[in-house]
Amino acid sequence: MVVRHAEKPYAGDLGEDEDGNEDPGSLAGRGRRRAEELHRLFPPAGGSALPRPAVVFAAAGPAGAGGRPPARCRQTVEPLTTALHIPLRSEFGIGAEEALGRAVLAARMPVLVCWEHTGIPRLIHALGAHQVLGVPASWPDRYDLVWEFTRRQGRWTFRELAQHLLPGDA
């Protein structure tokens, strides 16, 4: 499963880091609310259209302002990994989608990846799922989607699901 990081600040606005400091590489308020609600996609008793992840990957990101990587991907999934008591792996940066793809395929399934939208097509290509019917060539300008890829007997299938976590989600 692949998700884009949650909402970032609009141009001219700043997000907020874990210490409450303004930070352009952090999530906006709506993004923080989405991050807090992500666990609802994976209820404890099942009944979800999505399988509960065994491991979550989040982009470490390229060096941002001040030499620090943007935190949005990690901030998006940290509340989920805490709620589900599952590991968060963030050793891969944007641009390392080939290595991430190998790690995802070797990881215990199911896997959830939270990534930066421009790198998602490279990740899908690295997984070998880029030619599956219905896979968009780029991530749409939305934060409320989950792309689910399933591989059975060497063949990939794809479906796109809406999160429906916050008011205004499509």
C-alpha atoms as a PDB file:
ATOM      1  CA  MET A   1       0.000   0.000   0.000  1.00  0.00           C
ATOM      2  CA  VAL A   2       1.246   3.481  -0.830  1.00  0.00           C
ATOM      3  CA  VAL A   3       0.109   6.827   0.551  1.00  0.00           C
ATOM      4  CA  ARG A   4       1.356  10.318  -0.046  1.00  0.00           C
ATOM      5  CA  HIS A   5       2.414  12.241   3.036  1.00  0.00           C
ATOM      6  CA  ALA A   6      -0.457  14.199   4.605  1.00  0.00           C
ATOM      7  CA  GLU A   7      -1.199  17.847   3.822  1.00  0.00           C
ATOM      8  CA  LYS A   8       1.709  20.244   3.717  1.00  0.00           C
ATOM      9  CA  PRO A   9       1.450  23.984   4.344  1.00  0.00           C
ATOM     10  CA  TYR A  10       0.221  26.139   1.499  1.00  0.00           C
ATOM     11  CA  ALA A  11       2.678  28.552  -0.122  1.00  0.00           C
ATOM     12  CA  GLY A  12       3.621  31.278   2.326  1.00  0.00           C
ATOM     13  CA  ASP A  13       2.505  29.226   5.334  1.00  0.00           C
ATOM     14  CA  LEU A  14       4.538  27.057   7.699  1.00  0.00           C
ATOM     15  CA  GLY A  15       3.945  23.685   9.270  1.00  0.00           C
ATOM     16  CA  GLU A  16       4.817  22.814  12.821  1.00  0.00           C
ATOM     17  CA  ASP A  17       7.463  20.403  14.070  1.00  0.00           C
ATOM     18  CA  GLU A  18       7.129  18.088  17.081  1.00  0.00           C
ATOM     19  CA  ASP A  19       8.289  20.858  19.428  1.00  0.00           C
ATOM     20  CA  GLY A  20       5.687  23.341  18.171  1.00  0.00           C
ATOM     21  CA  ASN A  21       8.182  25.366  16.145  1.00  0.00           C
ATOM     22  CA  GLU A  22       7.246  26.673  12.716  1.00  0.00           C
ATOM     23  CA  ASP A  23       8.817  24.496  10.039  1.00  0.00           C
ATOM     24  CA  PRO A  24       8.165  24.533   6.270  1.00  0.00           C
ATOM     25  CA  GLY A  25       9.154  20.823   6.061  1.00  0.00           C
ATOM     26  CA  SER A  26       6.450  19.730   8.507  1.00  0.00           C
ATOM     27  CA  LEU A  27       2.763  18.974   8.123  1.00  0.00           C
ATOM     28  CA  ALA A  28       0.043  21.612   8.145  1.00  0.00           C
ATOM     29  CA  GLY A  29      -2.687  21.386  10.799  1.00  0.00           C
ATOM     30  CA  ARG A  30      -4.967  19.399   8.477  1.00  0.00           C
ATOM     31  CA  GLY A  31      -2.075  17.048   7.737  1.00  0.00           C
ATOM     32  CA  ARG A  32      -1.557  16.427  11.452  1.00  0.00           C
ATOM     33  CA  ARG A  33      -5.271  15.634  11.822  1.00  0.00           C
ATOM     34  CA  ARG A  34      -5.034  13.163   8.907  1.00  0.00           C
ATOM     35  CA  ALA A  35      -1.980  11.524  10.496  1.00  0.00           C
ATOM     36  CA  GLU A  36      -3.887  11.096  13.761  1.00  0.00           C
ATOM     37  CA  GLU A  37      -6.788   9.432  11.917  1.00  0.00           C
ATOM     38  CA  LEU A  38      -4.837   7.051   9.648  1.00  0.00           C
ATOM     39  CA  HIS A  39      -5.206   4.208  12.145  1.00  0.00           C
ATOM     40  CA  ARG A  40      -8.946   4.133  11.312  1.00  0.00           C
ATOM     41  CA  LEU A  41      -8.040   2.607   7.935  1.00  0.00           C
ATOM     42  CA  PHE A  42      -6.826  -0.493   9.817  1.00  0.00           C
ATOM     43  CA  PRO A  43      -9.326  -1.327  12.609  1.00  0.00           C
ATOM     44  CA  PRO A  44      -8.248  -3.958  15.152  1.00  0.00           C
ATOM     45  CA  ALA A  45     -11.093  -6.368  14.424  1.00  0.00           C
ATOM     46  CA  GLY A  46     -10.569  -6.262  10.683  1.00  0.00           C
ATOM     47  CA  GLY A  47     -13.534  -5.325   8.558  1.00  0.00           C
ATOM     48  CA  SER A  48     -11.405  -2.850   6.636  1.00  0.00           C
ATOM     49  CA  ALA A  49     -10.945  -2.923   2.898  1.00  0.00           C
ATOM     50  CA  LEU A  50      -7.207  -2.723   3.628  1.00  0.00           C
ATOM     51  CA  PRO A  51      -4.979  -5.257   5.383  1.00  0.00           C
ATOM     52  CA  ARG A  52      -3.195  -4.118   8.545  1.00  0.00           C
ATOM     53  CA  PRO A  53       0.447  -3.409   7.698  1.00  0.00           C
ATOM     54  CA  ALA A  54       3.198  -5.445   9.325  1.00  0.00           C
ATOM     55  CA  VAL A  55       5.775  -2.737   8.624  1.00  0.00           C
ATOM     56  CA  VAL A  56       5.673   0.879   7.485  1.00  0.00           C
ATOM     57  CA  PHE A  57       8.276   2.706   5.410  1.00  0.00           C
ATOM     58  CA  ALA A  58       8.499   6.505   5.388  1.00  0.00           C
ATOM     59  CA  ALA A  59      10.759   8.634   3.223  1.00  0.00           C
ATOM     60  CA  ALA A  60      13.739  10.104   4.975  1.00  0.00           C
ATOM     61  CA  GLY A  61      13.650  12.773   2.256  1.00  0.00           C
ATOM     62  CA  PRO A  62      16.311  14.940   0.673  1.00  0.00           C
ATOM     63  CA  ALA A  63      18.114  17.489   2.783  1.00  0.00           C
ATOM     64  CA  GLY A  64      15.792  20.425   3.310  1.00  0.00           C
ATOM     65  CA  ALA A  65      16.247  23.844   4.805  1.00  0.00           C
ATOM     66  CA  GLY A  66      18.961  23.837   7.416  1.00  0.00           C
ATOM     67  CA  GLY A  67      20.284  20.497   6.172  1.00  0.00           C
ATOM     68  CA  ARG A  68      17.460  18.534   7.811  1.00  0.00           C
ATOM     69  CA  PRO A  69      15.236  16.199   5.793  1.00  0.00           C
ATOM     70  CA  PRO A  70      11.574  17.197   5.495  1.00  0.00           C
ATOM     71  CA  ALA A  71       9.627  15.384   8.190  1.00  0.00           C
ATOM     72  CA  ARG A  72       6.217  15.122   6.502  1.00  0.00           C
ATOM     73  CA  CYS A  73       6.345  11.407   5.572  1.00  0.00           C
ATOM     74  CA  ARG A  74       7.504  10.355   9.021  1.00  0.00           C
ATOM     75  CA  GLN A  75       5.002  12.695  10.727  1.00  0.00           C
ATOM     76  CA  THR A  76       2.206  11.188   8.631  1.00  0.00           C
ATOM     77  CA  VAL A  77       2.752   7.604   9.753  1.00  0.00           C
ATOM     78  CA  GLU A  78       4.279   7.856  13.243  1.00  0.00           C
ATOM     79  CA  PRO A  79       0.870   7.993  14.975  1.00  0.00           C
ATOM     80  CA  LEU A  80      -0.191   4.927  12.954  1.00  0.00           C
ATOM     81  CA  THR A  81       2.894   2.885  13.825  1.00  0.00           C
ATOM     82  CA  THR A  82       2.482   3.823  17.477  1.00  0.00           C
ATOM     83  CA  ALA A  83      -1.206   2.860  17.490  1.00  0.00           C
ATOM     84  CA  LEU A  84      -0.603  -0.457  15.710  1.00  0.00           C
ATOM     85  CA  HIS A  85       2.687  -1.240  17.497  1.00  0.00           C
ATOM     86  CA  ILE A  86       4.497  -1.881  14.238  1.00  0.00           C
ATOM     87  CA  PRO A  87       7.964  -0.844  13.082  1.00  0.00           C
ATOM     88  CA  LEU A  88       8.650   2.354  11.172  1.00  0.00           C
ATOM     89  CA  ARG A  89      11.537   2.177   8.730  1.00  0.00           C
ATOM     90  CA  SER A  90      12.894   5.440   7.377  1.00  0.00           C
ATOM     91  CA  GLU A  91      16.354   4.610   6.097  1.00  0.00           C
ATOM     92  CA  PHE A  92      15.583   5.469   2.445  1.00  0.00           C
ATOM     93  CA  GLY A  93      15.507   8.962   1.029  1.00  0.00           C
ATOM     94  CA  ILE A  94      13.733  10.406  -1.965  1.00  0.00           C
ATOM     95  CA  GLY A  95      15.677   9.226  -4.988  1.00  0.00           C
ATOM     96  CA  ALA A  96      16.426   5.807  -3.444  1.00  0.00           C
ATOM     97  CA  GLU A  97      13.243   4.193  -4.760  1.00  0.00           C
ATOM     98  CA  GLU A  98      15.133   1.241  -6.310  1.00  0.00           C
ATOM     99  CA  ALA A  99      16.588   0.293  -2.910  1.00  0.00           C
ATOM    100  CA  LEU A 100      13.256   0.947  -1.214  1.00  0.00           C
ATOM    101  CA  GLY A 101      11.501  -1.299  -3.720  1.00  0.00           C
ATOM    102  CA  ARG A 102      13.897  -4.154  -2.938  1.00  0.00           C
ATOM    103  CA  ALA A 103      13.373  -3.629   0.814  1.00  0.00           C
ATOM    104  CA  VAL A 104       9.586  -3.548   0.413  1.00  0.00           C
ATOM    105  CA  LEU A 105       9.567  -6.801  -1.558  1.00  0.00           C
ATOM    106  CA  ALA A 106      11.791  -8.447   1.067  1.00  0.00           C
ATOM    107  CA  ALA A 107       9.780  -7.170   4.060  1.00  0.00           C
ATOM    108  CA  ARG A 108       7.100  -8.999   5.968  1.00  0.00           C
ATOM    109  CA  MET A 109       3.783  -8.327   4.220  1.00  0.00           C
ATOM    110  CA  PRO A 110       1.573  -6.351   4.152  1.00  0.00           C
ATOM    111  CA  VAL A 111       3.635  -3.176   3.790  1.00  0.00           C
ATOM    112  CA  LEU A 112       2.584   0.470   3.846  1.00  0.00           C
ATOM    113  CA  VAL A 113       4.847   3.091   2.260  1.00  0.00           C
ATOM    114  CA  CYS A 114       4.404   6.817   2.887  1.00  0.00           C
ATOM    115  CA  TRP A 115       6.291   8.732   0.223  1.00  0.00           C
ATOM    116  CA  GLU A 116       6.643  12.077  -1.499  1.00  0.00           C
ATOM    117  CA  HIS A 117       4.288  12.260  -4.494  1.00  0.00           C
ATOM    118  CA  THR A 118       6.930  12.855  -7.183  1.00  0.00           C
ATOM    119  CA  GLY A 119       8.847   9.737  -6.086  1.00  0.00           C
ATOM    120  CA  ILE A 120       5.843   7.405  -6.005  1.00  0.00           C
ATOM    121  CA  PRO A 121       5.965   6.584  -9.752  1.00  0.00           C
ATOM    122  CA  ARG A 122       9.664   5.656  -9.387  1.00  0.00           C
ATOM    123  CA  LEU A 123       8.772   3.378  -6.463  1.00  0.00           C
ATOM    124  CA  ILE A 124       5.982   1.692  -8.430  1.00  0.00           C
ATOM    125  CA  HIS A 125       8.431   1.159 -11.293  1.00  0.00           C
ATOM    126  CA  ALA A 126      11.017  -0.293  -8.874  1.00  0.00           C
ATOM    127  CA  LEU A 127       8.398  -2.755  -7.620  1.00  0.00           C
ATOM    128  CA  GLY A 128       7.697  -3.827 -11.189  1.00  0.00           C
ATOM    129  CA  ALA A 129       4.059  -2.758 -10.946  1.00  0.00           C
ATOM    130  CA  HIS A 130       4.156   0.265 -13.277  1.00  0.00           C
ATOM    131  CA  GLN A 131       2.442  -1.465 -16.209  1.00  0.00           C
ATOM    132  CA  VAL A 132      -0.533  -2.729 -14.228  1.00  0.00           C
ATOM    133  CA  LEU A 133      -3.854  -1.671 -15.690  1.00  0.00           C
ATOM    134  CA  GLY A 134      -5.210   1.472 -14.031  1.00  0.00           C
ATOM    135  CA  VAL A 135      -2.011   2.702 -12.389  1.00  0.00           C
ATOM    136  CA  PRO A 136      -1.776   6.461 -13.000  1.00  0.00           C
ATOM    137  CA  ALA A 137       1.479   7.817 -14.426  1.00  0.00           C
ATOM    138  CA  SER A 138       1.696  10.303 -11.549  1.00  0.00           C
ATOM    139  CA  TRP A 139       0.157  10.817  -8.134  1.00  0.00           C
ATOM    140  CA  PRO A 140      -2.879  13.105  -8.354  1.00  0.00           C
ATOM    141  CA  ASP A 141      -2.901  16.376  -6.437  1.00  0.00           C
ATOM    142  CA  ARG A 142      -4.588  14.705  -3.448  1.00  0.00           C
ATOM    143  CA  TYR A 143      -3.644  13.591   0.050  1.00  0.00           C
ATOM    144  CA  ASP A 144      -6.652  11.328   0.710  1.00  0.00           C
ATOM    145  CA  LEU A 145      -5.813   8.220  -1.335  1.00  0.00           C
ATOM    146  CA  VAL A 146      -4.355   4.781  -0.788  1.00  0.00           C
ATOM    147  CA  TRP A 147      -2.889   2.871  -3.702  1.00  0.00           C
ATOM    148  CA  GLU A 148      -3.006  -0.845  -3.062  1.00  0.00           C
ATOM    149  CA  PHE A 149      -0.873  -3.269  -5.037  1.00  0.00           C
ATOM    150  CA  THR A 150      -1.313  -7.006  -4.608  1.00  0.00           C
ATOM    151  CA  ARG A 151       1.025  -9.582  -6.101  1.00  0.00           C
ATOM    152  CA  ARG A 152      -0.136 -13.153  -6.541  1.00  0.00           C
ATOM    153  CA  GLN A 153       1.804 -15.729  -8.529  1.00  0.00           C
ATOM    154  CA  GLY A 154       4.054 -13.001  -9.897  1.00  0.00           C
ATOM    155  CA  ARG A 155       1.186 -10.839 -11.207  1.00  0.00           C
ATOM    156  CA  TRP A 156       0.265  -7.435  -9.824  1.00  0.00           C
ATOM    157  CA  THR A 157      -3.211  -5.982  -9.395  1.00  0.00           C
ATOM    158  CA  PHE A 158      -3.971  -2.382  -8.446  1.00  0.00           C
ATOM    159  CA  ARG A 159      -6.783  -0.457  -6.847  1.00  0.00           C
ATOM    160  CA  GLU A 160      -7.126   3.092  -5.618  1.00  0.00           C
ATOM    161  CA  LEU A 161      -9.131   3.726  -2.459  1.00  0.00           C
ATOM    162  CA  ALA A 162     -10.277   6.969  -0.886  1.00  0.00           C
ATOM    163  CA  GLN A 163      -9.357   7.369   2.782  1.00  0.00           C
ATOM    164  CA  HIS A 164     -12.547   9.184   3.917  1.00  0.00           C
ATOM    165  CA  LEU A 165     -10.823  10.288   7.116  1.00  0.00           C
ATOM    166  CA  LEU A 166     -11.481  14.040   7.216  1.00  0.00           C
ATOM    167  CA  PRO A 167     -14.345  16.309   6.147  1.00  0.00           C
ATOM    168  CA  GLY A 168     -13.829  17.270   2.526  1.00  0.00           C
ATOM    169  CA  ASP A 169     -12.097  14.030   1.522  1.00  0.00           C
ATOM    170  CA  ALA A 170     -13.373  12.841  -1.841  1.00  0.00           C
END
